[in-house]
Amino acid sequence: MVDVQRTAFELIARENVRFVNLVFVDVLGIVKSVTVPAHRFRHCVEHGEWFDGSTLEGFARVLESDRYLRPDLSTLVVVPWERGENTTARVICDVYTPDGEPFGGDSRWVLRQQLQRAAEMGIQYIAGPEIEFFLFTTDTNNGLLPTPHDTAGYFDLSTDLAYQVRKEMVNALEGMGILVENSHHEAATGQHEIDFTYRDALRAADDTVTFKYVVRAVAQQHGLRASFLPKPIFGVQGSGMHVHQALIDAETGRNLFFDPEDEYQLSPLARHFIAGQLAHARGMCAILAPLVNSYKRLVPGFEAPSYVSWARINRSALIRVPQTRSGDPDETRIELRCPDPSCNPYLAFAVMLGAGLDGIERELPLQEPLEENIAGFEPALLAEHNVRPLPASLDEALRELQRDEVICEILGHEVLERFLAAKAIEWEEYRTQVTPWEIKRYLPDY
């Protein structure tokens, strides 16, 4: 700990940092920040920085509002585009109560609890999200109309502004300690994807929070708006956040998912883990796809899952087992395809891990894979294969969440209560809206 502090303070001095952003997220995953002058940073490290939690969405009631931030010094980095006269660094923080205990409403702590549960089983959980997003112009209706900036398609090599902006995003991400694997244009016009390397899940969640912040900032510098809305445009692919996952032996570093004798190179432990995630897929969907808009992405026809199944080749499956080079244990992993980039990554990884561990602890059997297009199945065939649909709306997903005792326990009382309350308001506001589609569809005849 002393070495970590020394390294952090040396960075502040060496880079002539003038300000430090103390960053955390609320229950909904929205990034919040308190900025302190660099000369006060040592006090923050030693004593924490107090803030009023009652002002944040789903964070604390007025009568229990005092909270303080404790910086995780391993996340301290200089913000690349804020060097100069007012050089600024950023550090991600954990949230504590006045009596020095971790705050149960802190989603980062919720993930830590599940990682500790895995550690007690000798397991390390690693994750690698693939994050898709759109780049829109900001010259129409103050940027609120989703107008794509480019006209390229899937993996197209273009020479327009977005191609250059993506390179700057990669440079900024790597400048903040995120090792990028690749970037490319996605299937829809104006849609892009940047992938970064596997890391332990806490760092992967930190990276996801940083990723969205960096991508938005770089886009804004070029007069563009980066959007992580799951389905901003009707009739084209939405933006997902497919999450690659594996379990590693904490002592040896061996990939516990790998079994060379299995048809899919999956160990019994991997099969139990997949079975756990399938068993709790409907219950954790509200966390993984948390917006009203999320369920307009999870429909057939756009390579997004709408049923609870697993496969290797079928990209509409909820869980896919990517093909690997023969005999390479390090590449064996599973890919969960229903999360989208609007989710709180700490809560998302927590429920994903917790659901998988439940499958391991109960040794749940894994159903047979379905490589066929499930969207074409008749109801009787779906029932024959024991295939259930994912929730079709946020309202249904919230009801499924409340029924799933395992997922509720993973989230804890504080997070669950605040998440459900915030989302109930969101659903009610949506349910009572009169949309342009309704006016266009019904007004002429009624």
Protein backbone atom coordinates (compact mmCIF):
# COMPACT_ATOMS: atom_id res chain seq x y z
CA MET A 1 0.00 0.00 0.00
CA VAL A 2 2.86 2.36 0.83
CA ASP A 3 4.43 1.66 -2.59
CA VAL A 4 1.11 2.33 -4.35
CA GLN A 5 0.78 5.66 -2.52
CA ARG A 6 4.35 6.61 -3.29
CA THR A 7 3.85 5.84 -6.98
CA ALA A 8 0.63 7.87 -7.05
CA PHE A 9 2.15 10.94 -5.41
CA GLU A 10 5.21 10.69 -7.66
CA LEU A 11 2.89 10.71 -10.68
CA ILE A 12 1.13 13.83 -9.38
CA ALA A 13 4.46 15.61 -8.95
CA ARG A 14 6.13 14.36 -12.14
CA GLU A 15 3.22 15.33 -14.37
CA ASN A 16 2.64 18.64 -12.58
CA VAL A 17 -0.98 17.66 -11.96
CA ARG A 18 -3.10 20.59 -10.79
CA PHE A 19 -6.48 18.86 -10.32
CA VAL A 20 -7.73 15.33 -9.63
CA ASN A 21 -11.16 14.04 -10.63
CA LEU A 22 -12.52 11.61 -8.02
CA VAL A 23 -14.78 9.40 -10.14
CA PHE A 24 -17.53 6.97 -9.10
CA VAL A 25 -20.84 5.76 -10.55
CA ASP A 26 -24.37 5.83 -9.22
CA VAL A 27 -26.66 2.79 -9.15
CA LEU A 28 -27.67 3.35 -12.77
CA GLY A 29 -24.03 3.44 -13.88
CA ILE A 30 -23.93 7.18 -14.59
CA VAL A 31 -20.42 8.56 -14.02
CA LYS A 32 -20.11 11.16 -11.26
CA SER A 33 -17.08 13.20 -10.30
CA VAL A 34 -15.76 15.44 -7.55
CA THR A 35 -12.75 17.58 -8.56
CA VAL A 36 -10.15 18.53 -5.95
CA PRO A 37 -6.95 20.58 -6.28
CA ALA A 38 -3.85 18.41 -6.35
CA HIS A 39 -2.63 19.79 -3.02
CA ARG A 40 -5.70 18.28 -1.35
CA PHE A 41 -5.29 14.85 -2.90
CA ARG A 42 -3.13 13.48 -0.07
CA HIS A 43 -5.89 14.40 2.39
CA CYS A 44 -8.41 12.54 0.20
CA VAL A 45 -6.22 9.45 0.17
CA GLU A 46 -5.71 9.47 3.94
CA HIS A 47 -9.15 10.60 5.08
CA GLY A 48 -11.52 10.31 2.13
CA GLU A 49 -13.59 13.02 0.45
CA TRP A 50 -17.10 13.58 1.79
CA PHE A 51 -20.11 14.20 -0.47
CA ASP A 52 -23.90 14.40 -0.21
CA GLY A 53 -25.29 11.14 -1.57
CA SER A 54 -28.91 12.31 -1.38
CA THR A 55 -28.44 14.38 -4.52
CA LEU A 56 -27.64 11.35 -6.71
CA GLU A 57 -30.02 9.04 -8.55
CA GLY A 58 -30.72 5.96 -6.46
CA PHE A 59 -27.83 6.58 -4.08
CA ALA A 60 -29.05 7.54 -0.62
CA ARG A 61 -32.01 9.00 1.19
CA VAL A 62 -31.81 12.50 2.60
CA LEU A 63 -31.63 11.16 6.17
CA GLU A 64 -28.65 8.93 5.37
CA SER A 65 -26.86 11.10 2.86
CA ASP A 66 -23.31 11.42 4.21
CA ARG A 67 -20.85 9.30 2.26
CA TYR A 68 -17.17 9.56 1.48
CA LEU A 69 -15.00 8.55 -1.44
CA ARG A 70 -11.83 6.52 -1.02
CA PRO A 71 -9.55 6.63 -4.10
CA ASP A 72 -8.33 3.35 -5.58
CA LEU A 73 -4.81 4.56 -6.35
CA SER A 74 -4.17 1.76 -8.84
CA THR A 75 -6.61 3.55 -11.19
CA LEU A 76 -4.87 6.96 -11.08
CA VAL A 77 -4.01 8.24 -14.57
CA VAL A 78 -3.51 11.59 -16.25
CA VAL A 79 -6.32 12.54 -18.62
CA PRO A 80 -4.49 12.79 -21.99
CA TRP A 81 -6.45 15.74 -23.39
CA GLU A 82 -6.27 17.70 -20.13
CA ARG A 83 -2.50 18.21 -20.02
CA GLY A 84 -1.09 21.71 -19.88
CA GLU A 85 -1.76 24.63 -17.58
CA ASN A 86 -4.46 22.73 -15.72
CA THR A 87 -3.21 19.15 -16.06
CA THR A 88 -5.86 16.86 -14.60
CA ALA A 89 -5.68 13.28 -13.36
CA ARG A 90 -8.51 10.84 -12.75
CA VAL A 91 -8.92 8.19 -10.07
CA ILE A 92 -11.81 5.76 -9.53
CA CYS A 93 -13.19 5.65 -6.00
CA ASP A 94 -15.04 3.29 -3.68
CA VAL A 95 -17.86 4.67 -1.54
CA TYR A 96 -17.94 4.32 2.25
CA THR A 97 -20.36 5.12 5.06
CA PRO A 98 -19.46 7.49 7.94
CA ASP A 99 -18.52 4.53 10.15
CA GLY A 100 -15.90 3.38 7.65
CA GLU A 101 -17.84 0.47 6.15
CA PRO A 102 -18.26 -0.13 2.41
CA PHE A 103 -21.56 1.38 1.28
CA GLY A 104 -23.99 -1.33 0.20
CA GLY A 105 -25.35 0.94 -2.52
CA ASP A 106 -21.94 1.19 -4.21
CA SER A 107 -22.07 -1.00 -7.30
CA ARG A 108 -18.28 -1.38 -7.33
CA TRP A 109 -18.54 -2.97 -3.88
CA VAL A 110 -21.30 -5.30 -5.13
CA LEU A 111 -18.88 -6.61 -7.76
CA ARG A 112 -16.09 -6.90 -5.19
CA GLN A 113 -18.35 -9.15 -3.09
CA GLN A 114 -18.89 -11.59 -5.95
CA LEU A 115 -15.19 -11.57 -6.83
CA GLN A 116 -14.42 -12.41 -3.20
CA ARG A 117 -16.94 -15.25 -3.38
CA ALA A 118 -15.11 -16.59 -6.43
CA ALA A 119 -11.71 -16.10 -4.76
CA GLU A 120 -12.82 -18.26 -1.84
CA MET A 121 -13.41 -21.00 -4.42
CA GLY A 122 -9.89 -20.48 -5.81
CA ILE A 123 -11.27 -18.79 -8.93
CA GLN A 124 -10.47 -15.54 -10.73
CA TYR A 125 -13.16 -14.15 -13.05
CA ILE A 126 -11.97 -12.36 -16.18
CA ALA A 127 -14.06 -10.44 -18.67
CA GLY A 128 -13.57 -8.71 -22.00
CA PRO A 129 -16.43 -6.51 -23.24
CA GLU A 130 -16.92 -5.61 -26.91
CA ILE A 131 -18.55 -2.18 -26.89
CA GLU A 132 -20.50 -0.83 -29.84
CA PHE A 133 -21.56 2.79 -30.26
CA PHE A 134 -22.82 5.29 -32.82
CA LEU A 135 -21.26 8.57 -33.91
CA PHE A 136 -23.88 11.18 -34.77
CA THR A 137 -23.62 14.69 -36.13
CA THR A 138 -24.61 17.52 -33.79
CA ASP A 139 -25.91 19.96 -36.40
CA THR A 140 -29.53 18.76 -36.35
CA ASN A 141 -31.85 19.76 -33.51
CA ASN A 142 -28.91 20.31 -31.16
CA GLY A 143 -27.65 16.82 -31.88
CA LEU A 144 -30.80 15.13 -30.60
CA LEU A 145 -31.73 13.61 -33.95
CA PRO A 146 -29.73 10.40 -34.56
CA THR A 147 -28.03 11.38 -37.82
CA PRO A 148 -25.07 9.06 -38.58
CA HIS A 149 -21.84 10.80 -39.51
CA ASP A 150 -20.64 8.30 -42.13
CA THR A 151 -22.04 5.96 -44.76
CA ALA A 152 -19.73 2.96 -44.24
CA GLY A 153 -20.70 -0.63 -43.39
CA TYR A 154 -19.38 -3.66 -41.51
CA PHE A 155 -15.54 -3.68 -41.45
CA ASP A 156 -15.45 -1.12 -44.27
CA LEU A 157 -12.19 0.80 -44.65
CA SER A 158 -13.18 4.45 -44.94
CA THR A 159 -11.23 7.68 -45.02
CA ASP A 160 -13.80 10.01 -43.48
CA LEU A 161 -13.62 11.83 -40.17
CA ALA A 162 -14.99 8.92 -38.13
CA TYR A 163 -12.07 6.71 -39.23
CA GLN A 164 -9.61 9.29 -37.90
CA VAL A 165 -11.65 9.89 -34.76
CA ARG A 166 -11.58 6.18 -33.96
CA LYS A 167 -7.77 6.27 -34.06
CA GLU A 168 -7.73 9.19 -31.66
CA MET A 169 -10.09 7.29 -29.37
CA VAL A 170 -7.71 4.34 -29.34
CA ASN A 171 -4.75 6.61 -28.54
CA ALA A 172 -6.68 8.26 -25.69
CA LEU A 173 -7.82 4.91 -24.30
CA GLU A 174 -4.29 3.53 -24.30
CA GLY A 175 -3.12 6.77 -22.73
CA MET A 176 -5.43 5.97 -19.83
CA GLY A 177 -4.09 2.45 -19.40
CA ILE A 178 -6.56 0.49 -21.52
CA LEU A 179 -4.89 -1.92 -23.96
CA VAL A 180 -6.99 -1.94 -27.15
CA GLU A 181 -7.10 -5.07 -29.30
CA ASN A 182 -8.80 -3.66 -32.40
CA SER A 183 -11.34 -1.18 -33.70
CA HIS A 184 -13.60 -1.32 -36.73
CA HIS A 185 -16.76 -0.02 -38.34
CA GLU A 186 -19.84 -2.01 -37.37
CA ALA A 187 -22.78 -3.13 -39.50
CA ALA A 188 -25.01 -0.07 -39.23
CA THR A 189 -24.23 3.31 -40.76
CA GLY A 190 -22.45 5.43 -38.18
CA GLN A 191 -21.83 2.45 -35.87
CA HIS A 192 -18.40 1.50 -34.49
CA GLU A 193 -16.77 -0.99 -32.15
CA ILE A 194 -13.57 -0.88 -30.10
CA ASP A 195 -12.46 -3.99 -28.20
CA PHE A 196 -9.98 -4.15 -25.36
CA THR A 197 -8.16 -7.02 -23.72
CA TYR A 198 -9.32 -9.48 -21.10
CA ARG A 199 -8.76 -8.33 -17.54
CA ASP A 200 -9.96 -9.30 -14.10
CA ALA A 201 -13.58 -8.23 -13.90
CA LEU A 202 -13.10 -5.26 -11.57
CA ARG A 203 -10.56 -3.70 -13.92
CA ALA A 204 -12.72 -4.61 -16.92
CA ALA A 205 -15.61 -2.73 -15.31
CA ASP A 206 -13.33 0.23 -14.56
CA ASP A 207 -12.18 0.16 -18.17
CA THR A 208 -15.78 0.13 -19.40
CA VAL A 209 -16.61 3.23 -17.36
CA THR A 210 -13.45 4.92 -18.65
CA PHE A 211 -14.18 3.80 -22.21
CA LYS A 212 -17.53 5.56 -22.40
CA TYR A 213 -16.11 8.72 -20.87
CA VAL A 214 -13.16 8.79 -23.30
CA VAL A 215 -15.19 8.01 -26.42
CA ARG A 216 -17.70 10.76 -25.64
CA ALA A 217 -14.95 13.30 -24.92
CA VAL A 218 -12.97 12.59 -28.11
CA ALA A 219 -16.13 12.65 -30.24
CA GLN A 220 -17.13 15.98 -28.75
CA GLN A 221 -13.76 17.47 -29.67
CA HIS A 222 -14.65 16.78 -33.32
CA GLY A 223 -18.20 18.09 -33.20
CA LEU A 224 -19.70 14.59 -32.98
CA ARG A 225 -21.93 12.93 -30.41
CA ALA A 226 -21.06 9.40 -29.29
CA SER A 227 -24.15 7.47 -28.28
CA PHE A 228 -24.31 4.20 -26.35
CA LEU A 229 -28.09 3.97 -26.70
CA PRO A 230 -28.89 0.32 -27.52
CA LYS A 231 -31.29 1.04 -30.41
CA PRO A 232 -31.11 4.65 -31.59
CA ILE A 233 -32.31 3.97 -35.17
CA PHE A 234 -35.27 1.84 -36.24
CA GLY A 235 -34.59 -0.94 -38.72
CA VAL A 236 -30.82 -1.31 -38.26
CA GLN A 237 -28.60 -3.19 -35.84
CA GLY A 238 -28.48 -1.91 -32.29
CA SER A 239 -25.42 -1.48 -30.10
CA GLY A 240 -24.53 -4.36 -27.81
CA MET A 241 -21.83 -5.01 -25.25
CA HIS A 242 -21.00 -8.66 -25.77
CA VAL A 243 -18.98 -9.88 -22.80
CA HIS A 244 -16.35 -12.62 -23.19
CA GLN A 245 -15.80 -14.49 -19.93
CA ALA A 246 -13.59 -17.17 -18.43
CA LEU A 247 -12.66 -18.53 -15.02
CA ILE A 248 -8.98 -18.87 -14.14
CA ASP A 249 -7.33 -20.94 -11.42
CA ALA A 250 -6.17 -18.29 -8.97
CA GLU A 251 -2.95 -20.15 -8.13
CA THR A 252 -1.81 -21.63 -11.44
CA GLY A 253 -3.43 -19.26 -13.96
CA ARG A 254 -4.93 -22.26 -15.77
CA ASN A 255 -8.12 -21.64 -17.78
CA LEU A 256 -10.76 -23.64 -15.89
CA PHE A 257 -13.13 -23.57 -18.86
CA PHE A 258 -10.85 -25.68 -21.10
CA ASP A 259 -11.28 -29.40 -21.68
CA PRO A 260 -9.58 -30.79 -24.82
CA GLU A 261 -11.72 -33.93 -24.73
CA ASP A 262 -15.04 -32.08 -24.96
CA GLU A 263 -16.73 -31.38 -28.32
CA TYR A 264 -16.85 -27.67 -27.51
CA GLN A 265 -13.62 -27.82 -25.45
CA LEU A 266 -15.71 -26.93 -22.38
CA SER A 267 -14.93 -28.35 -18.96
CA PRO A 268 -17.72 -29.58 -16.65
CA LEU A 269 -17.18 -26.43 -14.59
CA ALA A 270 -17.69 -24.28 -17.71
CA ARG A 271 -20.90 -26.13 -18.50
CA HIS A 272 -22.24 -25.56 -14.98
CA PHE A 273 -21.29 -21.88 -15.27
CA ILE A 274 -23.16 -21.52 -18.58
CA ALA A 275 -26.14 -23.38 -17.12
CA GLY A 276 -26.21 -20.93 -14.21
CA GLN A 277 -26.26 -17.92 -16.51
CA LEU A 278 -29.01 -19.48 -18.63
CA ALA A 279 -31.05 -20.30 -15.53
CA HIS A 280 -30.88 -16.69 -14.34
CA ALA A 281 -30.92 -14.98 -17.75
CA ARG A 282 -34.44 -13.63 -17.38
CA GLY A 283 -33.77 -12.51 -13.81
CA MET A 284 -30.59 -10.59 -14.60
CA CYS A 285 -31.80 -9.10 -17.90
CA ALA A 286 -32.96 -5.83 -16.29
CA ILE A 287 -29.40 -5.26 -15.06
CA LEU A 288 -27.76 -6.19 -18.36
CA ALA A 289 -30.27 -4.34 -20.56
CA PRO A 290 -31.58 -1.61 -18.25
CA LEU A 291 -33.39 0.83 -20.55
CA VAL A 292 -36.83 0.87 -22.12
CA ASN A 293 -34.90 1.20 -25.38
CA SER A 294 -32.82 -1.94 -24.66
CA TYR A 295 -35.72 -4.24 -25.54
CA LYS A 296 -36.06 -2.77 -29.01
CA ARG A 297 -32.60 -4.22 -29.67
CA LEU A 298 -33.37 -7.70 -28.28
CA VAL A 299 -35.58 -8.74 -31.20
CA PRO A 300 -35.09 -11.30 -33.99
CA GLY A 301 -33.40 -10.30 -37.22
CA PHE A 302 -30.43 -8.24 -36.06
CA GLU A 303 -28.07 -10.85 -34.55
CA ALA A 304 -29.25 -9.93 -31.06
CA PRO A 305 -30.56 -12.66 -28.75
CA SER A 306 -34.25 -12.89 -27.94
CA TYR A 307 -34.31 -16.43 -26.51
CA VAL A 308 -32.41 -18.22 -23.75
CA SER A 309 -30.11 -20.67 -25.52
CA TRP A 310 -26.46 -21.36 -26.23
CA ALA A 311 -24.52 -22.36 -29.34
CA ARG A 312 -21.22 -22.00 -31.18
CA ILE A 313 -22.10 -20.86 -34.71
CA ASN A 314 -25.54 -19.34 -34.07
CA ARG A 315 -24.96 -15.64 -33.39
CA SER A 316 -28.56 -15.13 -32.27
CA ALA A 317 -27.92 -17.36 -29.25
CA LEU A 318 -27.79 -15.75 -25.83
CA ILE A 319 -24.47 -17.44 -25.01
CA ARG A 320 -21.99 -18.32 -27.73
CA VAL A 321 -18.84 -20.41 -27.41
CA PRO A 322 -16.39 -18.82 -29.88
CA GLN A 323 -14.28 -21.16 -31.97
CA THR A 324 -10.60 -21.25 -31.05
CA ARG A 325 -7.37 -22.53 -32.45
CA SER A 326 -7.28 -26.23 -31.72
CA GLY A 327 -5.78 -27.08 -28.36
CA ASP A 328 -5.20 -23.51 -27.14
CA PRO A 329 -6.59 -23.46 -23.60
CA ASP A 330 -6.11 -19.72 -23.17
CA GLU A 331 -8.66 -18.94 -25.90
CA THR A 332 -11.52 -21.00 -24.49
CA ARG A 333 -14.24 -18.63 -23.31
CA ILE A 334 -17.95 -17.91 -23.48
CA GLU A 335 -19.67 -14.83 -24.87
CA LEU A 336 -22.86 -13.42 -23.33
CA ARG A 337 -24.64 -11.38 -26.00
CA CYS A 338 -27.62 -9.67 -24.32
CA PRO A 339 -25.82 -6.90 -22.35
CA ASP A 340 -25.77 -3.46 -23.91
CA PRO A 341 -23.48 -0.50 -23.22
CA SER A 342 -26.13 1.41 -21.25
CA CYS A 343 -25.70 -1.00 -18.32
CA ASN A 344 -23.80 -0.38 -15.10
CA PRO A 345 -20.76 -2.63 -15.78
CA TYR A 346 -20.09 -3.31 -12.08
CA LEU A 347 -23.61 -4.63 -11.52
CA ALA A 348 -23.59 -6.43 -14.88
CA PHE A 349 -20.39 -8.35 -14.14
CA ALA A 350 -21.57 -9.04 -10.58
CA VAL A 351 -24.81 -10.73 -11.64
CA MET A 352 -23.11 -12.55 -14.50
CA LEU A 353 -20.49 -13.99 -12.17
CA GLY A 354 -22.97 -14.69 -9.38
CA ALA A 355 -25.34 -16.51 -11.72
CA GLY A 356 -22.50 -18.63 -13.09
CA LEU A 357 -21.22 -19.48 -9.61
CA ASP A 358 -24.74 -20.54 -8.63
CA GLY A 359 -24.66 -22.96 -11.55
CA ILE A 360 -21.31 -24.34 -10.34
CA GLU A 361 -22.41 -24.66 -6.72
CA ARG A 362 -25.62 -26.48 -7.66
CA GLU A 363 -23.94 -28.40 -10.51
CA LEU A 364 -26.73 -27.39 -12.89
CA PRO A 365 -26.89 -29.52 -16.05
CA LEU A 366 -26.43 -27.72 -19.37
CA GLN A 367 -29.12 -28.16 -22.01
CA GLU A 368 -28.15 -29.11 -25.54
CA PRO A 369 -26.91 -26.30 -27.82
CA LEU A 370 -29.19 -24.95 -30.55
CA GLU A 371 -27.37 -24.01 -33.75
CA GLU A 372 -30.59 -23.39 -35.67
CA ASN A 373 -32.37 -20.06 -36.10
CA ILE A 374 -34.62 -20.09 -33.05
CA ALA A 375 -36.65 -17.15 -34.32
CA GLY A 376 -38.25 -19.51 -36.84
CA PHE A 377 -39.33 -22.08 -34.25
CA GLU A 378 -43.03 -22.69 -33.64
CA PRO A 379 -44.17 -22.47 -29.98
CA ALA A 380 -44.43 -26.27 -29.74
CA LEU A 381 -40.83 -26.66 -30.93
CA LEU A 382 -39.63 -24.02 -28.46
CA ALA A 383 -41.36 -25.93 -25.67
CA GLU A 384 -39.87 -29.22 -26.88
CA HIS A 385 -36.37 -27.74 -26.58
CA ASN A 386 -37.23 -25.98 -23.30
CA VAL A 387 -36.37 -22.61 -24.83
CA ARG A 388 -37.71 -19.54 -23.04
CA PRO A 389 -37.81 -16.02 -24.45
CA LEU A 390 -35.91 -13.16 -22.89
CA PRO A 391 -38.14 -10.44 -21.40
CA ALA A 392 -39.82 -8.41 -24.12
CA SER A 393 -39.90 -5.14 -22.17
CA LEU A 394 -38.26 -3.39 -19.26
CA ASP A 395 -41.44 -3.88 -17.23
CA GLU A 396 -41.31 -7.65 -17.74
CA ALA A 397 -37.58 -7.70 -16.98
CA LEU A 398 -38.11 -5.85 -13.69
CA ARG A 399 -40.77 -8.36 -12.66
CA GLU A 400 -38.43 -11.24 -13.52
CA LEU A 401 -35.66 -9.60 -11.48
CA GLN A 402 -37.86 -9.43 -8.40
CA ARG A 403 -38.75 -13.13 -8.78
CA ASP A 404 -35.10 -14.24 -8.95
CA GLU A 405 -33.93 -14.60 -5.35
CA VAL A 406 -30.33 -15.38 -6.37
CA ILE A 407 -29.94 -12.19 -8.43
CA CYS A 408 -31.68 -10.11 -5.74
CA GLU A 409 -29.26 -11.45 -3.13
CA ILE A 410 -26.26 -10.65 -5.34
CA LEU A 411 -27.37 -7.04 -5.73
CA GLY A 412 -28.14 -6.56 -2.04
CA HIS A 413 -31.00 -4.64 -0.49
CA GLU A 414 -29.68 -1.11 -1.05
CA VAL A 415 -28.89 -1.50 -4.75
CA LEU A 416 -32.01 -3.56 -5.50
CA GLU A 417 -34.36 -1.10 -3.78
CA ARG A 418 -32.88 1.94 -5.47
CA PHE A 419 -32.57 0.32 -8.89
CA LEU A 420 -36.17 -0.90 -8.89
CA ALA A 421 -37.48 2.46 -7.71
CA ALA A 422 -35.62 4.39 -10.40
CA LYS A 423 -36.62 1.98 -13.16
CA ALA A 424 -40.29 1.90 -12.07
CA ILE A 425 -40.41 5.67 -12.56
CA GLU A 426 -38.71 5.33 -15.95
CA TRP A 427 -41.17 2.65 -17.10
CA GLU A 428 -44.20 4.64 -15.94
CA GLU A 429 -43.01 7.74 -17.77
CA TYR A 430 -42.54 5.71 -20.94
CA ARG A 431 -45.84 3.84 -20.57
CA THR A 432 -47.84 7.04 -20.45
CA GLN A 433 -46.12 8.82 -23.35
CA VAL A 434 -47.93 9.47 -26.62
CA THR A 435 -45.36 8.76 -29.32
CA PRO A 436 -45.09 10.09 -32.89
CA TRP A 437 -45.68 6.53 -34.13
CA GLU A 438 -49.07 6.40 -32.41
CA ILE A 439 -50.13 9.71 -33.87
CA LYS A 440 -49.05 8.70 -37.37
CA ARG A 441 -50.60 5.24 -37.09
CA TYR A 442 -53.91 6.01 -35.44
CA LEU A 443 -54.89 9.69 -35.81
CA PRO A 444 -56.09 9.47 -39.42
CA ASP A 445 -58.63 6.71 -38.67
CA TYR A 446 -59.73 7.33 -35.08
